[in-house]
């Protein structure tokens, strides 16, 4: 089943739920819900504010019929399992998790409390779901994952820098699903895409909240990588501008994930992670009204945007092909 079919299935599911909304509302009038929230970074954050705003628009009034239990790891991901256990002990009605590590911690803490996630690159690969269409367990949610994204990133870099031979890849040491070589699903996908494009990949696993950039850029210099792909992972999630500035100062062209147009990298391509935030309250509402995560399709939200930063290109001495400029959704002068 392709992404369009999955999205259509999710829409049909939502329509069916809407038809019974009046009955469900009457059945659950007066009920007070407790929502657990688990995230990598600080609170308040764009994630928690979007959740509260969205649920308010769906008639959940904080302090009246809904209460929030927010647990923010502030970049210290080793705190997540304990936080997840706390939320379970408090008997929350649903756990909302933002990111792979929080989602992994939540699913290890409970197999019965529904979990709604987003910012998970590949829910099936990390074991959070059996399939996107029918997750099969107590988790469902929204992802902006596109299996073709690593291929597009490498192709765009090759088009921008025709003689490119080696590419560094910034990933995260704490994301789940690592194999015997320490590579998570998102790492393996990017390694495969780089190799298929004729590039030699160098995966560098960072650890937040304060990555050792001196060490990783030294490793890049030692291997002679000529460009950098920055993955959408917790270790760099809140600091893309810092990464782009450090790379540019070392004359390394940078490809950032979608939605990072203003971070200063040479390019960004993909779907902005924030675009999934507004869908999370909808899923929470469905779960609280009786939908089962096992049968609620995971929505794949995809809206690709290519942004090219000509200012950064000039600093790097990179000439942007005219055809790429024509295709770009936005060009920063």
C-alpha atoms as a PDB file:
ATOM      1  CA  UNK A   1       0.000   0.000   0.000  1.00  0.00           C
ATOM      2  CA  UNK A   2       1.417   3.409  -0.964  1.00  0.00           C
ATOM      3  CA  UNK A   3       1.407   6.581   1.141  1.00  0.00           C
ATOM      4  CA  UNK A   4      -1.603   8.017  -0.707  1.00  0.00           C
ATOM      5  CA  UNK A   5      -3.629   4.904   0.163  1.00  0.00           C
ATOM      6  CA  UNK A   6      -2.580   5.133   3.793  1.00  0.00           C
ATOM      7  CA  UNK A   7      -3.602   8.788   3.958  1.00  0.00           C
ATOM      8  CA  UNK A   8      -6.955   7.990   2.307  1.00  0.00           C
ATOM      9  CA  UNK A   9      -7.485   5.172   4.776  1.00  0.00           C
ATOM     10  CA  UNK A  10      -6.724   7.446   7.701  1.00  0.00           C
ATOM     11  CA  UNK A  11      -9.133  10.052   6.322  1.00  0.00           C
ATOM     12  CA  UNK A  12     -11.870   7.468   5.910  1.00  0.00           C
ATOM     13  CA  UNK A  13     -11.299   6.272   9.470  1.00  0.00           C
ATOM     14  CA  UNK A  14     -11.579   9.848  10.733  1.00  0.00           C
ATOM     15  CA  UNK A  15     -14.812  10.349   8.749  1.00  0.00           C
ATOM     16  CA  UNK A  16     -16.323   7.232  10.268  1.00  0.00           C
ATOM     17  CA  UNK A  17     -15.457   8.441  13.729  1.00  0.00           C
ATOM     18  CA  UNK A  18     -16.964  11.841  13.017  1.00  0.00           C
ATOM     19  CA  UNK A  19     -20.308  10.245  12.123  1.00  0.00           C
ATOM     20  CA  UNK A  20     -20.603   8.793  15.618  1.00  0.00           C
ATOM     21  CA  UNK A  21     -19.236  11.850  17.418  1.00  0.00           C
ATOM     22  CA  UNK A  22     -22.598  12.920  18.818  1.00  0.00           C
ATOM     23  CA  UNK A  23     -23.286   9.533  20.375  1.00  0.00           C
ATOM     24  CA  UNK A  24     -19.781   9.210  21.805  1.00  0.00           C
ATOM     25  CA  UNK A  25     -19.940  12.710  23.260  1.00  0.00           C
ATOM     26  CA  UNK A  26     -23.219  11.900  25.008  1.00  0.00           C
ATOM     27  CA  UNK A  27     -21.784   8.670  26.389  1.00  0.00           C
ATOM     28  CA  UNK A  28     -18.664  10.343  27.807  1.00  0.00           C
ATOM     29  CA  UNK A  29     -20.149  13.651  28.993  1.00  0.00           C
ATOM     30  CA  UNK A  30     -18.590  14.730  32.262  1.00  0.00           C
ATOM     31  CA  UNK A  31     -15.537  12.458  32.003  1.00  0.00           C
ATOM     32  CA  UNK A  32     -12.185  13.959  32.972  1.00  0.00           C
ATOM     33  CA  UNK A  33      -9.116  12.806  31.074  1.00  0.00           C
ATOM     34  CA  UNK A  34      -5.473  12.732  32.099  1.00  0.00           C
ATOM     35  CA  UNK A  35      -2.954  12.982  29.257  1.00  0.00           C
ATOM     36  CA  UNK A  36       0.686  12.077  29.695  1.00  0.00           C
ATOM     37  CA  UNK A  37       3.247  13.831  27.495  1.00  0.00           C
ATOM     38  CA  UNK A  38       6.790  12.587  26.954  1.00  0.00           C
ATOM     39  CA  UNK A  39       9.359  14.568  24.974  1.00  0.00           C
ATOM     40  CA  UNK A  40      13.083  14.986  24.458  1.00  0.00           C
ATOM     41  CA  UNK A  41      13.426  18.695  25.072  1.00  0.00           C
ATOM     42  CA  UNK A  42      12.198  21.347  27.499  1.00  0.00           C
ATOM     43  CA  UNK A  43       8.679  22.221  28.549  1.00  0.00           C
ATOM     44  CA  UNK A  44       6.923  24.367  27.484  1.00  0.00           C
ATOM     45  CA  UNK A  45       7.765  23.694  23.848  1.00  0.00           C
ATOM     46  CA  UNK A  46       6.123  24.038  20.426  1.00  0.00           C
ATOM     47  CA  UNK A  47       5.000  20.420  20.791  1.00  0.00           C
ATOM     48  CA  UNK A  48       3.162  20.878  24.089  1.00  0.00           C
ATOM     49  CA  UNK A  49       1.670  24.224  23.075  1.00  0.00           C
ATOM     50  CA  UNK A  50       0.342  22.739  19.831  1.00  0.00           C
ATOM     51  CA  UNK A  51      -1.163  19.811  21.727  1.00  0.00           C
ATOM     52  CA  UNK A  52      -2.931  22.068  24.217  1.00  0.00           C
ATOM     53  CA  UNK A  53      -4.176  24.426  21.497  1.00  0.00           C
ATOM     54  CA  UNK A  54      -5.459  21.603  19.326  1.00  0.00           C
ATOM     55  CA  UNK A  55      -7.290  19.867  22.150  1.00  0.00           C
ATOM     56  CA  UNK A  56      -8.789  23.152  23.317  1.00  0.00           C
ATOM     57  CA  UNK A  57     -10.240  23.553  19.833  1.00  0.00           C
ATOM     58  CA  UNK A  58     -11.746  20.075  20.248  1.00  0.00           C
ATOM     59  CA  UNK A  59     -13.500  21.145  23.490  1.00  0.00           C
ATOM     60  CA  UNK A  60     -10.975  19.790  25.985  1.00  0.00           C
ATOM     61  CA  UNK A  61     -10.623  22.482  28.648  1.00  0.00           C
ATOM     62  CA  UNK A  62      -7.511  22.208  30.813  1.00  0.00           C
ATOM     63  CA  UNK A  63      -8.432  22.054  34.486  1.00  0.00           C
ATOM     64  CA  UNK A  64     -12.028  21.089  33.664  1.00  0.00           C
ATOM     65  CA  UNK A  65     -12.192  17.944  31.552  1.00  0.00           C
ATOM     66  CA  UNK A  66      -8.501  17.406  30.805  1.00  0.00           C
ATOM     67  CA  UNK A  67      -5.267  17.503  32.806  1.00  0.00           C
ATOM     68  CA  UNK A  68      -1.725  17.168  31.483  1.00  0.00           C
ATOM     69  CA  UNK A  69       1.198  15.288  32.976  1.00  0.00           C
ATOM     70  CA  UNK A  70       4.240  16.548  31.049  1.00  0.00           C
ATOM     71  CA  UNK A  71       7.640  14.917  31.392  1.00  0.00           C
ATOM     72  CA  UNK A  72      10.467  16.681  29.516  1.00  0.00           C
ATOM     73  CA  UNK A  73      13.905  15.065  29.361  1.00  0.00           C
ATOM     74  CA  UNK A  74      15.630  18.385  28.521  1.00  0.00           C
ATOM     75  CA  UNK A  75      18.002  16.515  26.237  1.00  0.00           C
ATOM     76  CA  UNK A  76      18.937  13.899  28.864  1.00  0.00           C
ATOM     77  CA  UNK A  77      17.417  10.875  27.185  1.00  0.00           C
ATOM     78  CA  UNK A  78      18.394   8.488  29.961  1.00  0.00           C
ATOM     79  CA  UNK A  79      15.601  10.100  32.020  1.00  0.00           C
ATOM     80  CA  UNK A  80      12.896   8.932  29.621  1.00  0.00           C
ATOM     81  CA  UNK A  81      12.316   5.375  30.941  1.00  0.00           C
ATOM     82  CA  UNK A  82      11.763   6.707  34.465  1.00  0.00           C
ATOM     83  CA  UNK A  83       9.426   9.402  33.182  1.00  0.00           C
ATOM     84  CA  UNK A  84       7.455   6.847  31.176  1.00  0.00           C
ATOM     85  CA  UNK A  85       7.079   4.667  34.254  1.00  0.00           C
ATOM     86  CA  UNK A  86       5.811   7.693  36.205  1.00  0.00           C
ATOM     87  CA  UNK A  87       3.114   8.368  33.632  1.00  0.00           C
ATOM     88  CA  UNK A  88       2.008   4.745  33.743  1.00  0.00           C
ATOM     89  CA  UNK A  89       1.854   4.800  37.552  1.00  0.00           C
ATOM     90  CA  UNK A  90      -0.375   7.883  37.417  1.00  0.00           C
ATOM     91  CA  UNK A  91      -2.888   5.996  35.297  1.00  0.00           C
ATOM     92  CA  UNK A  92      -3.001   8.438  32.401  1.00  0.00           C
ATOM     93  CA  UNK A  93      -5.621   7.759  29.718  1.00  0.00           C
ATOM     94  CA  UNK A  94      -3.176   8.235  26.849  1.00  0.00           C
ATOM     95  CA  UNK A  95       0.531   8.994  26.437  1.00  0.00           C
ATOM     96  CA  UNK A  96       1.636  11.422  23.738  1.00  0.00           C
ATOM     97  CA  UNK A  97       5.283  10.917  22.739  1.00  0.00           C
ATOM     98  CA  UNK A  98       7.397  13.189  20.566  1.00  0.00           C
ATOM     99  CA  UNK A  99      10.376  11.432  19.002  1.00  0.00           C
ATOM    100  CA  UNK A 100      11.825   7.941  18.748  1.00  0.00           C
ATOM    101  CA  UNK A 101      13.427   7.699  22.219  1.00  0.00           C
ATOM    102  CA  UNK A 102      10.296   8.901  24.089  1.00  0.00           C
ATOM    103  CA  UNK A 103       8.117   6.576  22.019  1.00  0.00           C
ATOM    104  CA  UNK A 104      10.447   3.659  22.689  1.00  0.00           C
ATOM    105  CA  UNK A 105      10.446   4.418  26.425  1.00  0.00           C
ATOM    106  CA  UNK A 106       6.649   4.650  26.486  1.00  0.00           C
ATOM    107  CA  UNK A 107       6.059   1.380  24.650  1.00  0.00           C
ATOM    108  CA  UNK A 108       8.459  -0.440  26.967  1.00  0.00           C
ATOM    109  CA  UNK A 109       6.611   0.974  29.975  1.00  0.00           C
ATOM    110  CA  UNK A 110       3.110  -0.141  28.947  1.00  0.00           C
ATOM    111  CA  UNK A 111       1.320  -2.450  26.539  1.00  0.00           C
ATOM    112  CA  UNK A 112      -2.158  -1.318  27.571  1.00  0.00           C
ATOM    113  CA  UNK A 113      -2.233   2.495  27.770  1.00  0.00           C
ATOM    114  CA  UNK A 114      -2.735   3.982  24.277  1.00  0.00           C
ATOM    115  CA  UNK A 115       0.264   5.877  22.898  1.00  0.00           C
ATOM    116  CA  UNK A 116       0.019   8.557  20.201  1.00  0.00           C
ATOM    117  CA  UNK A 117       3.383   9.457  18.683  1.00  0.00           C
ATOM    118  CA  UNK A 118       4.981  11.745  16.157  1.00  0.00           C
ATOM    119  CA  UNK A 119       8.569  12.579  15.092  1.00  0.00           C
ATOM    120  CA  UNK A 120       9.265   8.857  14.683  1.00  0.00           C
ATOM    121  CA  UNK A 121      11.178   8.324  11.459  1.00  0.00           C
ATOM    122  CA  UNK A 122      10.110   4.725  10.817  1.00  0.00           C
ATOM    123  CA  UNK A 123       7.549   3.297  13.287  1.00  0.00           C
ATOM    124  CA  UNK A 124       7.642  -0.164  11.728  1.00  0.00           C
ATOM    125  CA  UNK A 125      11.444  -0.417  11.689  1.00  0.00           C
ATOM    126  CA  UNK A 126      11.776   0.378  15.418  1.00  0.00           C
ATOM    127  CA  UNK A 127       8.994  -2.047  16.355  1.00  0.00           C
ATOM    128  CA  UNK A 128       6.362   0.550  17.287  1.00  0.00           C
ATOM    129  CA  UNK A 129       3.909  -0.867  14.732  1.00  0.00           C
ATOM    130  CA  UNK A 130       3.379  -4.005  12.685  1.00  0.00           C
ATOM    131  CA  UNK A 131       2.313  -2.035   9.620  1.00  0.00           C
ATOM    132  CA  UNK A 132       1.363   1.591   8.964  1.00  0.00           C
ATOM    133  CA  UNK A 133      -2.150   0.549   7.968  1.00  0.00           C
ATOM    134  CA  UNK A 134      -2.827  -1.570  11.078  1.00  0.00           C
ATOM    135  CA  UNK A 135      -0.310  -0.866  13.857  1.00  0.00           C
ATOM    136  CA  UNK A 136      -1.518  -3.904  15.816  1.00  0.00           C
ATOM    137  CA  UNK A 137      -0.576  -2.793  19.338  1.00  0.00           C
ATOM    138  CA  UNK A 138      -1.204   0.129  21.657  1.00  0.00           C
ATOM    139  CA  UNK A 139       0.568   2.729  19.487  1.00  0.00           C
ATOM    140  CA  UNK A 140      -0.510   4.886  16.568  1.00  0.00           C
ATOM    141  CA  UNK A 141       0.228   8.402  15.381  1.00  0.00           C
ATOM    142  CA  UNK A 142       1.712  10.538  12.641  1.00  0.00           C
ATOM    143  CA  UNK A 143       5.044  10.393  10.846  1.00  0.00           C
ATOM    144  CA  UNK A 144       6.684  12.641   8.284  1.00  0.00           C
ATOM    145  CA  UNK A 145       8.922   9.796   7.254  1.00  0.00           C
ATOM    146  CA  UNK A 146       9.524   9.301   3.553  1.00  0.00           C
ATOM    147  CA  UNK A 147      11.520   6.181   2.629  1.00  0.00           C
ATOM    148  CA  UNK A 148      12.741   7.999  -0.479  1.00  0.00           C
ATOM    149  CA  UNK A 149      14.113  10.998   1.443  1.00  0.00           C
ATOM    150  CA  UNK A 150      17.702   9.698   1.888  1.00  0.00           C
ATOM    151  CA  UNK A 151      17.876   9.000  -1.840  1.00  0.00           C
ATOM    152  CA  UNK A 152      16.658  12.525  -2.639  1.00  0.00           C
ATOM    153  CA  UNK A 153      19.138  14.088  -0.197  1.00  0.00           C
ATOM    154  CA  UNK A 154      22.074  12.304  -1.792  1.00  0.00           C
ATOM    155  CA  UNK A 155      20.874  13.060  -5.318  1.00  0.00           C
ATOM    156  CA  UNK A 156      20.496  16.767  -4.538  1.00  0.00           C
ATOM    157  CA  UNK A 157      23.981  16.932  -3.038  1.00  0.00           C
ATOM    158  CA  UNK A 158      25.452  15.186  -6.088  1.00  0.00           C
ATOM    159  CA  UNK A 159      23.619  17.609  -8.374  1.00  0.00           C
ATOM    160  CA  UNK A 160      24.861  20.591  -6.367  1.00  0.00           C
ATOM    161  CA  UNK A 161      28.434  19.257  -6.083  1.00  0.00           C
ATOM    162  CA  UNK A 162      29.086  17.001  -9.107  1.00  0.00           C
ATOM    163  CA  UNK A 163      32.540  15.877  -7.924  1.00  0.00           C
ATOM    164  CA  UNK A 164      31.287  14.891  -4.468  1.00  0.00           C
ATOM    165  CA  UNK A 165      32.776  11.556  -3.371  1.00  0.00           C
ATOM    166  CA  UNK A 166      32.466  11.383   0.446  1.00  0.00           C
ATOM    167  CA  UNK A 167      29.589  12.424   2.662  1.00  0.00           C
ATOM    168  CA  UNK A 168      29.355  12.649   6.445  1.00  0.00           C
ATOM    169  CA  UNK A 169      26.050  11.866   8.170  1.00  0.00           C
ATOM    170  CA  UNK A 170      25.154  13.280  11.590  1.00  0.00           C
ATOM    171  CA  UNK A 171      22.977  10.853  13.530  1.00  0.00           C
ATOM    172  CA  UNK A 172      22.212  10.148  17.201  1.00  0.00           C
ATOM    173  CA  UNK A 173      23.746   7.550  19.514  1.00  0.00           C
ATOM    174  CA  UNK A 174      20.504   7.173  21.498  1.00  0.00           C
ATOM    175  CA  UNK A 175      17.858   6.524  18.839  1.00  0.00           C
ATOM    176  CA  UNK A 176      16.317   3.029  19.007  1.00  0.00           C
ATOM    177  CA  UNK A 177      16.639   0.102  16.627  1.00  0.00           C
ATOM    178  CA  UNK A 178      20.423  -0.085  16.318  1.00  0.00           C
ATOM    179  CA  UNK A 179      21.907  -3.201  14.747  1.00  0.00           C
ATOM    180  CA  UNK A 180      25.171  -4.965  15.652  1.00  0.00           C
ATOM    181  CA  UNK A 181      27.086  -2.166  13.943  1.00  0.00           C
ATOM    182  CA  UNK A 182      25.338   0.487  15.992  1.00  0.00           C
ATOM    183  CA  UNK A 183      23.302   1.743  13.023  1.00  0.00           C
ATOM    184  CA  UNK A 184      19.628   2.598  13.559  1.00  0.00           C
ATOM    185  CA  UNK A 185      17.108   2.220  10.690  1.00  0.00           C
ATOM    186  CA  UNK A 186      17.490   5.860   9.650  1.00  0.00           C
ATOM    187  CA  UNK A 187      21.295   5.417   9.564  1.00  0.00           C
ATOM    188  CA  UNK A 188      21.081   2.302   7.437  1.00  0.00           C
ATOM    189  CA  UNK A 189      18.736   3.985   4.972  1.00  0.00           C
ATOM    190  CA  UNK A 190      21.140   6.890   4.525  1.00  0.00           C
ATOM    191  CA  UNK A 191      24.184   4.638   4.198  1.00  0.00           C
ATOM    192  CA  UNK A 192      22.380   2.630   1.516  1.00  0.00           C
ATOM    193  CA  UNK A 193      21.335   5.804  -0.324  1.00  0.00           C
ATOM    194  CA  UNK A 194      24.844   7.225  -0.237  1.00  0.00           C
ATOM    195  CA  UNK A 195      26.378   4.001  -1.488  1.00  0.00           C
ATOM    196  CA  UNK A 196      23.794   3.746  -4.285  1.00  0.00           C
ATOM    197  CA  UNK A 197      24.713   7.287  -5.341  1.00  0.00           C
ATOM    198  CA  UNK A 198      28.381   6.322  -5.553  1.00  0.00           C
ATOM    199  CA  UNK A 199      29.306   8.144  -2.339  1.00  0.00           C
ATOM    200  CA  UNK A 200      31.337   6.865   0.581  1.00  0.00           C
ATOM    201  CA  UNK A 201      29.285   7.474   3.764  1.00  0.00           C
ATOM    202  CA  UNK A 202      30.671   8.300   7.200  1.00  0.00           C
ATOM    203  CA  UNK A 203      28.081   8.001   9.995  1.00  0.00           C
ATOM    204  CA  UNK A 204      28.859  10.045  13.089  1.00  0.00           C
ATOM    205  CA  UNK A 205      26.753   9.284  16.169  1.00  0.00           C
ATOM    206  CA  UNK A 206      26.267  12.366  18.326  1.00  0.00           C
ATOM    207  CA  UNK A 207      24.900  12.415  21.851  1.00  0.00           C
ATOM    208  CA  UNK A 208      22.852  15.294  23.284  1.00  0.00           C
ATOM    209  CA  UNK A 209      22.213  17.605  24.930  1.00  0.00           C
ATOM    210  CA  UNK A 210      25.749  18.913  24.248  1.00  0.00           C
ATOM    211  CA  UNK A 211      27.323  17.012  21.346  1.00  0.00           C
ATOM    212  CA  UNK A 212      31.102  16.956  21.099  1.00  0.00           C
ATOM    213  CA  UNK A 213      31.355  18.908  17.861  1.00  0.00           C
ATOM    214  CA  UNK A 214      35.122  19.262  18.064  1.00  0.00           C
ATOM    215  CA  UNK A 215      35.467  15.483  17.915  1.00  0.00           C
ATOM    216  CA  UNK A 216      32.981  14.885  15.106  1.00  0.00           C
ATOM    217  CA  UNK A 217      34.313  17.641  12.861  1.00  0.00           C
ATOM    218  CA  UNK A 218      37.829  16.350  13.460  1.00  0.00           C
ATOM    219  CA  UNK A 219      36.601  12.913  12.368  1.00  0.00           C
ATOM    220  CA  UNK A 220      35.091  14.464   9.241  1.00  0.00           C
ATOM    221  CA  UNK A 221      38.390  16.171   8.424  1.00  0.00           C
ATOM    222  CA  UNK A 222      40.287  12.910   8.933  1.00  0.00           C
ATOM    223  CA  UNK A 223      38.010  11.046   6.504  1.00  0.00           C
ATOM    224  CA  UNK A 224      37.906  13.903   3.999  1.00  0.00           C
ATOM    225  CA  UNK A 225      34.112  14.126   3.741  1.00  0.00           C
ATOM    226  CA  UNK A 226      33.110  16.966   1.394  1.00  0.00           C
ATOM    227  CA  UNK A 227      29.485  17.428   2.480  1.00  0.00           C
ATOM    228  CA  UNK A 228      27.312  16.798   5.516  1.00  0.00           C
ATOM    229  CA  UNK A 229      23.782  15.393   5.812  1.00  0.00           C
ATOM    230  CA  UNK A 230      22.173  16.227   9.154  1.00  0.00           C
ATOM    231  CA  UNK A 231      19.431  13.788  10.117  1.00  0.00           C
ATOM    232  CA  UNK A 232      16.299  14.762  11.988  1.00  0.00           C
ATOM    233  CA  UNK A 233      17.419  13.255  15.321  1.00  0.00           C
ATOM    234  CA  UNK A 234      17.257  14.382  18.982  1.00  0.00           C
ATOM    235  CA  UNK A 235      20.948  15.233  19.378  1.00  0.00           C
ATOM    236  CA  UNK A 236      20.703  18.100  16.875  1.00  0.00           C
ATOM    237  CA  UNK A 237      16.940  18.653  16.801  1.00  0.00           C
ATOM    238  CA  UNK A 238      17.067  21.994  18.628  1.00  0.00           C
ATOM    239  CA  UNK A 239      20.391  23.278  17.256  1.00  0.00           C
ATOM    240  CA  UNK A 240      20.406  23.063  13.432  1.00  0.00           C
ATOM    241  CA  UNK A 241      21.696  26.620  13.197  1.00  0.00           C
ATOM    242  CA  UNK A 242      24.707  25.768  15.361  1.00  0.00           C
ATOM    243  CA  UNK A 243      25.484  22.738  13.203  1.00  0.00           C
ATOM    244  CA  UNK A 244      25.155  24.735   9.976  1.00  0.00           C
ATOM    245  CA  UNK A 245      27.390  27.542  11.256  1.00  0.00           C
ATOM    246  CA  UNK A 246      30.091  25.123  12.422  1.00  0.00           C
ATOM    247  CA  UNK A 247      30.029  23.265   9.113  1.00  0.00           C
ATOM    248  CA  UNK A 248      30.091  26.415   6.991  1.00  0.00           C
ATOM    249  CA  UNK A 249      32.998  27.817   9.007  1.00  0.00           C
ATOM    250  CA  UNK A 250      34.868  24.645   7.992  1.00  0.00           C
ATOM    251  CA  UNK A 251      33.706  25.029   4.375  1.00  0.00           C
ATOM    252  CA  UNK A 252      31.504  21.937   4.513  1.00  0.00           C
ATOM    253  CA  UNK A 253      28.213  22.169   2.559  1.00  0.00           C
ATOM    254  CA  UNK A 254      25.284  21.037   4.694  1.00  0.00           C
ATOM    255  CA  UNK A 255      21.982  19.353   3.828  1.00  0.00           C
ATOM    256  CA  UNK A 256      19.417  19.863   6.600  1.00  0.00           C
ATOM    257  CA  UNK A 257      16.060  18.187   7.112  1.00  0.00           C
ATOM    258  CA  UNK A 258      12.769  19.742   6.019  1.00  0.00           C
ATOM    259  CA  UNK A 259      11.624  22.953   7.649  1.00  0.00           C
ATOM    260  CA  UNK A 260      15.139  24.211   8.422  1.00  0.00           C
ATOM    261  CA  UNK A 261      15.246  26.883   5.742  1.00  0.00           C
ATOM    262  CA  UNK A 262      16.494  29.614   8.062  1.00  0.00           C
ATOM    263  CA  UNK A 263      19.153  27.605   9.897  1.00  0.00           C
ATOM    264  CA  UNK A 264      21.880  28.624   7.447  1.00  0.00           C
ATOM    265  CA  UNK A 265      22.685  25.325   5.780  1.00  0.00           C
ATOM    266  CA  UNK A 266      23.387  25.176   2.058  1.00  0.00           C
ATOM    267  CA  UNK A 267      20.133  23.287   1.481  1.00  0.00           C
ATOM    268  CA  UNK A 268      17.169  21.851   3.311  1.00  0.00           C
ATOM    269  CA  UNK A 269      14.776  19.337   1.845  1.00  0.00           C
ATOM    270  CA  UNK A 270      11.852  17.358   3.196  1.00  0.00           C
ATOM    271  CA  UNK A 271       8.699  17.784   5.233  1.00  0.00           C
ATOM    272  CA  UNK A 272       8.787  20.110   8.217  1.00  0.00           C
ATOM    273  CA  UNK A 273       8.384  18.107  11.426  1.00  0.00           C
ATOM    274  CA  UNK A 274       6.143  20.820  12.878  1.00  0.00           C
ATOM    275  CA  UNK A 275       3.580  20.085  10.171  1.00  0.00           C
ATOM    276  CA  UNK A 276       2.682  16.876  12.020  1.00  0.00           C
ATOM    277  CA  UNK A 277       1.930  18.614  15.300  1.00  0.00           C
ATOM    278  CA  UNK A 278      -1.616  19.653  14.411  1.00  0.00           C
ATOM    279  CA  UNK A 279      -2.571  16.047  13.654  1.00  0.00           C
ATOM    280  CA  UNK A 280      -1.613  14.761  17.104  1.00  0.00           C
ATOM    281  CA  UNK A 281      -4.614  16.291  18.966  1.00  0.00           C
ATOM    282  CA  UNK A 282      -6.926  14.732  16.362  1.00  0.00           C
ATOM    283  CA  UNK A 283      -5.496  11.288  17.099  1.00  0.00           C
ATOM    284  CA  UNK A 284      -5.701  11.852  20.858  1.00  0.00           C
ATOM    285  CA  UNK A 285      -9.343  12.882  20.492  1.00  0.00           C
ATOM    286  CA  UNK A 286     -10.098   9.721  18.505  1.00  0.00           C
ATOM    287  CA  UNK A 287      -8.427   7.515  21.116  1.00  0.00           C
ATOM    288  CA  UNK A 288     -10.255   9.185  24.008  1.00  0.00           C
ATOM    289  CA  UNK A 289     -13.519   8.659  22.170  1.00  0.00           C
ATOM    290  CA  UNK A 290     -12.935   4.941  21.825  1.00  0.00           C
ATOM    291  CA  UNK A 291     -10.750   4.321  18.777  1.00  0.00           C
ATOM    292  CA  UNK A 292      -8.259   1.465  19.193  1.00  0.00           C
ATOM    293  CA  UNK A 293      -4.600   2.219  18.332  1.00  0.00           C
ATOM    294  CA  UNK A 294      -4.224  -1.269  16.870  1.00  0.00           C
ATOM    295  CA  UNK A 295      -6.797  -0.460  14.189  1.00  0.00           C
ATOM    296  CA  UNK A 296      -6.039   3.242  13.656  1.00  0.00           C
ATOM    297  CA  UNK A 297      -3.769   3.759  10.647  1.00  0.00           C
ATOM    298  CA  UNK A 298      -0.550   5.711  11.132  1.00  0.00           C
ATOM    299  CA  UNK A 299      -0.758   8.827   9.001  1.00  0.00           C
ATOM    300  CA  UNK A 300       2.165   9.662   6.730  1.00  0.00           C
ATOM    301  CA  UNK A 301       2.287  13.433   6.334  1.00  0.00           C
ATOM    302  CA  UNK A 302       4.385  14.443   3.352  1.00  0.00           C
ATOM    303  CA  UNK A 303       4.866  17.932   1.924  1.00  0.00           C
ATOM    304  CA  UNK A 304       8.366  18.287   0.521  1.00  0.00           C
ATOM    305  CA  UNK A 305      10.064  21.641   0.192  1.00  0.00           C
ATOM    306  CA  UNK A 306      13.483  22.409  -1.284  1.00  0.00           C
ATOM    307  CA  UNK A 307      15.208  25.523   0.035  1.00  0.00           C
ATOM    308  CA  UNK A 308      18.584  26.742  -1.257  1.00  0.00           C
ATOM    309  CA  UNK A 309      20.654  29.351   0.586  1.00  0.00           C
ATOM    310  CA  UNK A 310      22.632  31.394  -1.927  1.00  0.00           C
ATOM    311  CA  UNK A 311      24.327  33.392   0.829  1.00  0.00           C
ATOM    312  CA  UNK A 312      25.777  30.192   2.263  1.00  0.00           C
ATOM    313  CA  UNK A 313      26.665  28.975  -1.229  1.00  0.00           C
ATOM    314  CA  UNK A 314      28.738  32.108  -1.797  1.00  0.00           C
ATOM    315  CA  UNK A 315      30.537  31.617   1.531  1.00  0.00           C
ATOM    316  CA  UNK A 316      31.353  28.058   0.522  1.00  0.00           C
ATOM    317  CA  UNK A 317      32.326  28.922  -3.025  1.00  0.00           C
ATOM    318  CA  UNK A 318      29.620  26.616  -4.411  1.00  0.00           C
ATOM    319  CA  UNK A 319      27.967  27.454  -7.727  1.00  0.00           C
ATOM    320  CA  UNK A 320      24.303  26.454  -7.657  1.00  0.00           C
ATOM    321  CA  UNK A 321      23.073  24.983 -10.960  1.00  0.00           C
ATOM    322  CA  UNK A 322      20.441  27.158 -12.622  1.00  0.00           C
ATOM    323  CA  UNK A 323      18.029  24.252 -12.941  1.00  0.00           C
ATOM    324  CA  UNK A 324      18.131  23.656  -9.169  1.00  0.00           C
ATOM    325  CA  UNK A 325      17.316  27.286  -8.518  1.00  0.00           C
ATOM    326  CA  UNK A 326      14.289  27.004 -10.802  1.00  0.00           C
ATOM    327  CA  UNK A 327      13.041  23.924  -8.943  1.00  0.00           C
ATOM    328  CA  UNK A 328      13.593  25.351  -5.472  1.00  0.00           C
ATOM    329  CA  UNK A 329      10.490  26.231  -3.459  1.00  0.00           C
ATOM    330  CA  UNK A 330      12.435  29.035  -1.812  1.00  0.00           C
ATOM    331  CA  UNK A 331      15.784  30.703  -2.483  1.00  0.00           C
ATOM    332  CA  UNK A 332      17.475  32.674   0.284  1.00  0.00           C
ATOM    333  CA  UNK A 333      19.548  35.526  -1.104  1.00  0.00           C
END
